[in-house]
Every structure is written in structure tokens, then in C-alpha cells.
Amino acid sequence: MKQNEKKQKNKLNVTIFNEQYVIKGEADQAYIEKVASYVDNKMEQIAEMNEMLSAKQIAVLVALNLADEYLQLRHDYDELIKLLNEGHTMRK
């Protein structure tokens, strides 16, 4: 890609926890919709567990849950890479 060429930005309206958002990004629309749907589902799950929580509290709890998922997956990934590297070293 030439330096002066820009990647096409997609613009999409999504609904997360009954609020409309305009999302702009380089990812394709199907992916943006998938991410928004995932966040919306997580917020609905948390809201169902405690109806007294505000939208802000729900969003923070979802952020914590997503960070936990990410860190666990990152740890698993790092462990797999470590095992693959050890296996590669043993074959030499």
C-alpha cells in the first residue's frame, strides 16, 4: 500500500445496551457488528444478574470481565508458544 493511500474506514450504527453508537473503523462491517453484539450480550448478562446496577456499573463490570478473558487467553497463548518453542528446540 502506498503511503498516501488510506485504508477504507467503515462506518456503522450499532446498538449496545439500548444505546445507539456510530462505530468507525477499518474492520469490515460484519466484524464490527460481531464485536458490538458480543459487548451487548455481555452487558445484558450482567444486567440480568443485578437489576439495581446502573449502566455505568454494568459497563465497568463488563470491561473487567473482558479484561479477565483477554488476560487468560493471552496467558494460554504464551504457554502454547513456550511449548512449541521447547518442542522445536528438542528436535534440533
N, C-alpha and C. Protein backbone atom coordinates (compact mmCIF):
# COMPACT_ATOMS: atom_id res chain seq x y z
N MET A 1 0.85 -1.17 0.00
CA MET A 1 0.00 0.00 0.00
C MET A 1 0.90 1.23 0.00
N LYS A 2 0.55 2.17 -0.84
CA LYS A 2 1.32 3.41 -0.90
C LYS A 2 1.07 4.23 0.36
N GLN A 3 2.05 5.03 0.69
CA GLN A 3 1.98 5.80 1.93
C GLN A 3 0.80 6.77 1.94
N ASN A 4 0.47 7.34 0.78
CA ASN A 4 -0.62 8.31 0.75
C ASN A 4 -2.00 7.67 0.63
N GLU A 5 -2.06 6.35 0.42
CA GLU A 5 -3.34 5.65 0.38
C GLU A 5 -3.80 5.37 1.80
N LYS A 6 -5.08 5.58 2.04
CA LYS A 6 -5.64 5.30 3.36
C LYS A 6 -6.52 4.07 3.27
N LYS A 7 -6.51 3.27 4.32
CA LYS A 7 -7.42 2.14 4.37
C LYS A 7 -8.84 2.67 4.46
N GLN A 8 -9.75 1.96 3.84
CA GLN A 8 -11.14 2.40 3.85
C GLN A 8 -11.72 2.26 5.25
N LYS A 9 -12.32 3.33 5.72
CA LYS A 9 -12.97 3.32 7.03
C LYS A 9 -14.43 2.93 6.84
N ASN A 10 -14.87 1.99 7.62
CA ASN A 10 -16.28 1.63 7.62
C ASN A 10 -16.98 2.38 8.74
N LYS A 11 -18.19 2.78 8.48
CA LYS A 11 -19.00 3.50 9.47
C LYS A 11 -20.29 2.72 9.63
N LEU A 12 -20.61 2.40 10.88
CA LEU A 12 -21.75 1.53 11.14
C LEU A 12 -22.48 1.99 12.39
N ASN A 13 -23.80 1.98 12.34
CA ASN A 13 -24.62 2.25 13.53
C ASN A 13 -24.87 0.93 14.24
N VAL A 14 -24.59 0.89 15.53
CA VAL A 14 -24.84 -0.31 16.32
C VAL A 14 -25.60 0.07 17.58
N THR A 15 -26.27 -0.92 18.15
CA THR A 15 -26.98 -0.72 19.41
C THR A 15 -26.32 -1.59 20.46
N ILE A 16 -25.90 -0.94 21.55
CA ILE A 16 -25.31 -1.65 22.68
C ILE A 16 -26.05 -1.21 23.92
N PHE A 17 -26.70 -2.15 24.57
CA PHE A 17 -27.45 -1.90 25.79
C PHE A 17 -28.46 -0.77 25.59
N ASN A 18 -29.20 -0.90 24.50
CA ASN A 18 -30.28 0.03 24.13
C ASN A 18 -29.81 1.45 23.83
N GLU A 19 -28.55 1.62 23.55
CA GLU A 19 -27.99 2.92 23.16
C GLU A 19 -27.41 2.80 21.75
N GLN A 20 -27.64 3.82 20.94
CA GLN A 20 -27.10 3.84 19.57
C GLN A 20 -25.69 4.42 19.57
N TYR A 21 -24.80 3.79 18.82
CA TYR A 21 -23.43 4.27 18.67
C TYR A 21 -23.05 4.22 17.20
N VAL A 22 -22.27 5.19 16.77
CA VAL A 22 -21.70 5.16 15.43
C VAL A 22 -20.26 4.70 15.59
N ILE A 23 -19.95 3.58 14.95
CA ILE A 23 -18.62 3.00 15.05
C ILE A 23 -17.92 3.20 13.71
N LYS A 24 -16.70 3.72 13.76
CA LYS A 24 -15.89 3.88 12.57
C LYS A 24 -14.63 3.05 12.76
N GLY A 25 -14.27 2.30 11.73
CA GLY A 25 -13.06 1.50 11.84
C GLY A 25 -12.69 0.89 10.52
N GLU A 26 -11.52 0.30 10.47
CA GLU A 26 -11.03 -0.34 9.26
C GLU A 26 -11.51 -1.77 9.12
N ALA A 27 -12.04 -2.35 10.18
CA ALA A 27 -12.56 -3.72 10.12
C ALA A 27 -13.82 -3.75 9.27
N ASP A 28 -14.11 -4.92 8.70
CA ASP A 28 -15.32 -5.00 7.89
C ASP A 28 -16.57 -4.92 8.77
N GLN A 29 -17.69 -4.60 8.15
CA GLN A 29 -18.92 -4.35 8.90
C GLN A 29 -19.38 -5.57 9.69
N ALA A 30 -19.22 -6.76 9.13
CA ALA A 30 -19.64 -7.97 9.83
C ALA A 30 -18.86 -8.13 11.14
N TYR A 31 -17.58 -7.82 11.10
CA TYR A 31 -16.76 -7.94 12.31
C TYR A 31 -17.17 -6.90 13.35
N ILE A 32 -17.40 -5.67 12.90
CA ILE A 32 -17.83 -4.62 13.82
C ILE A 32 -19.15 -5.01 14.48
N GLU A 33 -20.08 -5.54 13.69
CA GLU A 33 -21.37 -5.99 14.23
C GLU A 33 -21.18 -7.12 15.25
N LYS A 34 -20.26 -8.02 14.95
CA LYS A 34 -19.99 -9.15 15.86
C LYS A 34 -19.44 -8.65 17.19
N VAL A 35 -18.51 -7.71 17.14
CA VAL A 35 -17.93 -7.15 18.37
C VAL A 35 -19.00 -6.43 19.18
N ALA A 36 -19.80 -5.60 18.51
CA ALA A 36 -20.86 -4.86 19.20
C ALA A 36 -21.87 -5.81 19.82
N SER A 37 -22.22 -6.86 19.10
CA SER A 37 -23.17 -7.84 19.62
C SER A 37 -22.61 -8.56 20.85
N TYR A 38 -21.32 -8.86 20.81
CA TYR A 38 -20.67 -9.53 21.94
C TYR A 38 -20.73 -8.66 23.19
N VAL A 39 -20.40 -7.38 23.02
CA VAL A 39 -20.44 -6.44 24.15
C VAL A 39 -21.87 -6.28 24.65
N ASP A 40 -22.82 -6.15 23.74
CA ASP A 40 -24.23 -6.01 24.11
C ASP A 40 -24.69 -7.23 24.92
N ASN A 41 -24.35 -8.42 24.45
CA ASN A 41 -24.74 -9.64 25.17
C ASN A 41 -24.13 -9.69 26.56
N LYS A 42 -22.87 -9.30 26.68
CA LYS A 42 -22.22 -9.28 27.99
C LYS A 42 -22.92 -8.30 28.93
N MET A 43 -23.29 -7.15 28.42
CA MET A 43 -23.97 -6.16 29.25
C MET A 43 -25.34 -6.67 29.69
N GLU A 44 -26.06 -7.31 28.79
CA GLU A 44 -27.37 -7.87 29.14
C GLU A 44 -27.23 -8.96 30.21
N GLN A 45 -26.20 -9.80 30.09
CA GLN A 45 -25.97 -10.86 31.08
C GLN A 45 -25.73 -10.28 32.47
N ILE A 46 -24.88 -9.27 32.55
CA ILE A 46 -24.58 -8.64 33.84
C ILE A 46 -25.83 -7.96 34.39
N ALA A 47 -26.57 -7.27 33.53
CA ALA A 47 -27.79 -6.56 33.97
C ALA A 47 -28.82 -7.53 34.53
N GLU A 48 -28.92 -8.72 33.94
CA GLU A 48 -29.88 -9.72 34.42
C GLU A 48 -29.52 -10.24 35.80
N MET A 49 -28.23 -10.24 36.12
CA MET A 49 -27.79 -10.75 37.42
C MET A 49 -28.10 -9.79 38.56
N ASN A 50 -28.14 -8.49 38.25
CA ASN A 50 -28.44 -7.50 39.29
C ASN A 50 -29.13 -6.30 38.64
N GLU A 51 -30.42 -6.24 38.81
CA GLU A 51 -31.21 -5.19 38.17
C GLU A 51 -31.01 -3.81 38.80
N MET A 52 -30.30 -3.73 39.91
CA MET A 52 -30.07 -2.46 40.60
C MET A 52 -28.84 -1.71 40.07
N LEU A 53 -28.05 -2.34 39.23
CA LEU A 53 -26.84 -1.71 38.72
C LEU A 53 -27.17 -0.65 37.67
N SER A 54 -26.40 0.44 37.68
CA SER A 54 -26.55 1.46 36.65
C SER A 54 -25.84 0.98 35.37
N ALA A 55 -26.13 1.65 34.28
CA ALA A 55 -25.47 1.31 33.01
C ALA A 55 -23.96 1.46 33.13
N LYS A 56 -23.53 2.49 33.86
CA LYS A 56 -22.09 2.71 34.06
C LYS A 56 -21.46 1.56 34.84
N GLN A 57 -22.12 1.12 35.89
CA GLN A 57 -21.60 0.00 36.69
C GLN A 57 -21.56 -1.28 35.85
N ILE A 58 -22.58 -1.48 35.05
CA ILE A 58 -22.61 -2.66 34.17
C ILE A 58 -21.45 -2.60 33.19
N ALA A 59 -21.22 -1.43 32.61
CA ALA A 59 -20.13 -1.27 31.65
C ALA A 59 -18.77 -1.56 32.29
N VAL A 60 -18.58 -1.10 33.52
CA VAL A 60 -17.31 -1.35 34.22
C VAL A 60 -17.14 -2.84 34.49
N LEU A 61 -18.20 -3.50 34.93
CA LEU A 61 -18.12 -4.94 35.19
C LEU A 61 -17.86 -5.72 33.90
N VAL A 62 -18.47 -5.30 32.81
CA VAL A 62 -18.20 -5.94 31.52
C VAL A 62 -16.75 -5.72 31.12
N ALA A 63 -16.25 -4.51 31.31
CA ALA A 63 -14.84 -4.23 30.99
C ALA A 63 -13.91 -5.12 31.80
N LEU A 64 -14.21 -5.30 33.08
CA LEU A 64 -13.40 -6.18 33.93
C LEU A 64 -13.47 -7.63 33.45
N ASN A 65 -14.66 -8.08 33.10
CA ASN A 65 -14.82 -9.45 32.60
C ASN A 65 -14.06 -9.65 31.29
N LEU A 66 -14.15 -8.68 30.39
CA LEU A 66 -13.45 -8.79 29.11
C LEU A 66 -11.94 -8.74 29.30
N ALA A 67 -11.47 -7.90 30.21
CA ALA A 67 -10.04 -7.85 30.51
C ALA A 67 -9.56 -9.19 31.07
N ASP A 68 -10.37 -9.79 31.95
CA ASP A 68 -10.03 -11.10 32.51
C ASP A 68 -9.97 -12.15 31.41
N GLU A 69 -10.96 -12.17 30.52
CA GLU A 69 -10.95 -13.12 29.40
C GLU A 69 -9.69 -12.93 28.56
N TYR A 70 -9.39 -11.69 28.24
CA TYR A 70 -8.22 -11.40 27.42
C TYR A 70 -6.93 -11.88 28.09
N LEU A 71 -6.76 -11.55 29.37
CA LEU A 71 -5.54 -11.92 30.07
C LEU A 71 -5.39 -13.43 30.19
N GLN A 72 -6.51 -14.13 30.41
CA GLN A 72 -6.44 -15.60 30.46
C GLN A 72 -6.06 -16.17 29.10
N LEU A 73 -6.67 -15.65 28.03
CA LEU A 73 -6.33 -16.11 26.69
C LEU A 73 -4.88 -15.79 26.34
N ARG A 74 -4.42 -14.62 26.73
CA ARG A 74 -3.04 -14.23 26.48
C ARG A 74 -2.07 -15.17 27.20
N HIS A 75 -2.40 -15.52 28.44
CA HIS A 75 -1.58 -16.46 29.20
C HIS A 75 -1.55 -17.81 28.50
N ASP A 76 -2.71 -18.31 28.09
CA ASP A 76 -2.78 -19.59 27.39
C ASP A 76 -1.96 -19.54 26.09
N TYR A 77 -2.06 -18.45 25.36
CA TYR A 77 -1.31 -18.28 24.13
C TYR A 77 0.20 -18.32 24.41
N ASP A 78 0.63 -17.57 25.41
CA ASP A 78 2.05 -17.54 25.76
C ASP A 78 2.55 -18.92 26.16
N GLU A 79 1.73 -19.67 26.90
CA GLU A 79 2.12 -21.03 27.29
C GLU A 79 2.24 -21.94 26.07
N LEU A 80 1.31 -21.82 25.13
CA LEU A 80 1.38 -22.63 23.91
C LEU A 80 2.62 -22.29 23.08
N ILE A 81 2.93 -21.02 22.97
CA ILE A 81 4.13 -20.61 22.24
C ILE A 81 5.37 -21.16 22.92
N LYS A 82 5.39 -21.12 24.24
CA LYS A 82 6.52 -21.65 25.01
C LYS A 82 6.68 -23.15 24.74
N LEU A 83 5.57 -23.89 24.75
CA LEU A 83 5.62 -25.33 24.48
C LEU A 83 6.09 -25.61 23.06
N LEU A 84 5.60 -24.83 22.11
CA LEU A 84 6.02 -25.02 20.72
C LEU A 84 7.51 -24.74 20.56
N ASN A 85 8.00 -23.71 21.21
CA ASN A 85 9.42 -23.38 21.13
C ASN A 85 10.27 -24.46 21.79
N GLU A 86 9.81 -25.01 22.91
CA GLU A 86 10.53 -26.09 23.58
C GLU A 86 10.57 -27.33 22.70
N GLY A 87 9.46 -27.63 22.04
CA GLY A 87 9.40 -28.78 21.15
C GLY A 87 10.31 -28.60 19.95
N HIS A 88 10.37 -27.40 19.43
CA HIS A 88 11.24 -27.10 18.29
C HIS A 88 12.70 -27.22 18.70
N THR A 89 13.05 -26.77 19.89
CA THR A 89 14.42 -26.83 20.40
C THR A 89 14.84 -28.28 20.63
N MET A 90 13.92 -29.12 21.10
CA MET A 90 14.24 -30.52 21.40
C MET A 90 14.54 -31.31 20.13
N ARG A 91 13.97 -30.92 18.99
CA ARG A 91 14.17 -31.65 17.74
C ARG A 91 15.52 -31.35 17.11
N LYS A 92 16.16 -30.27 17.51
CA LYS A 92 17.45 -29.90 16.90
C LYS A 92 18.55 -30.82 17.34
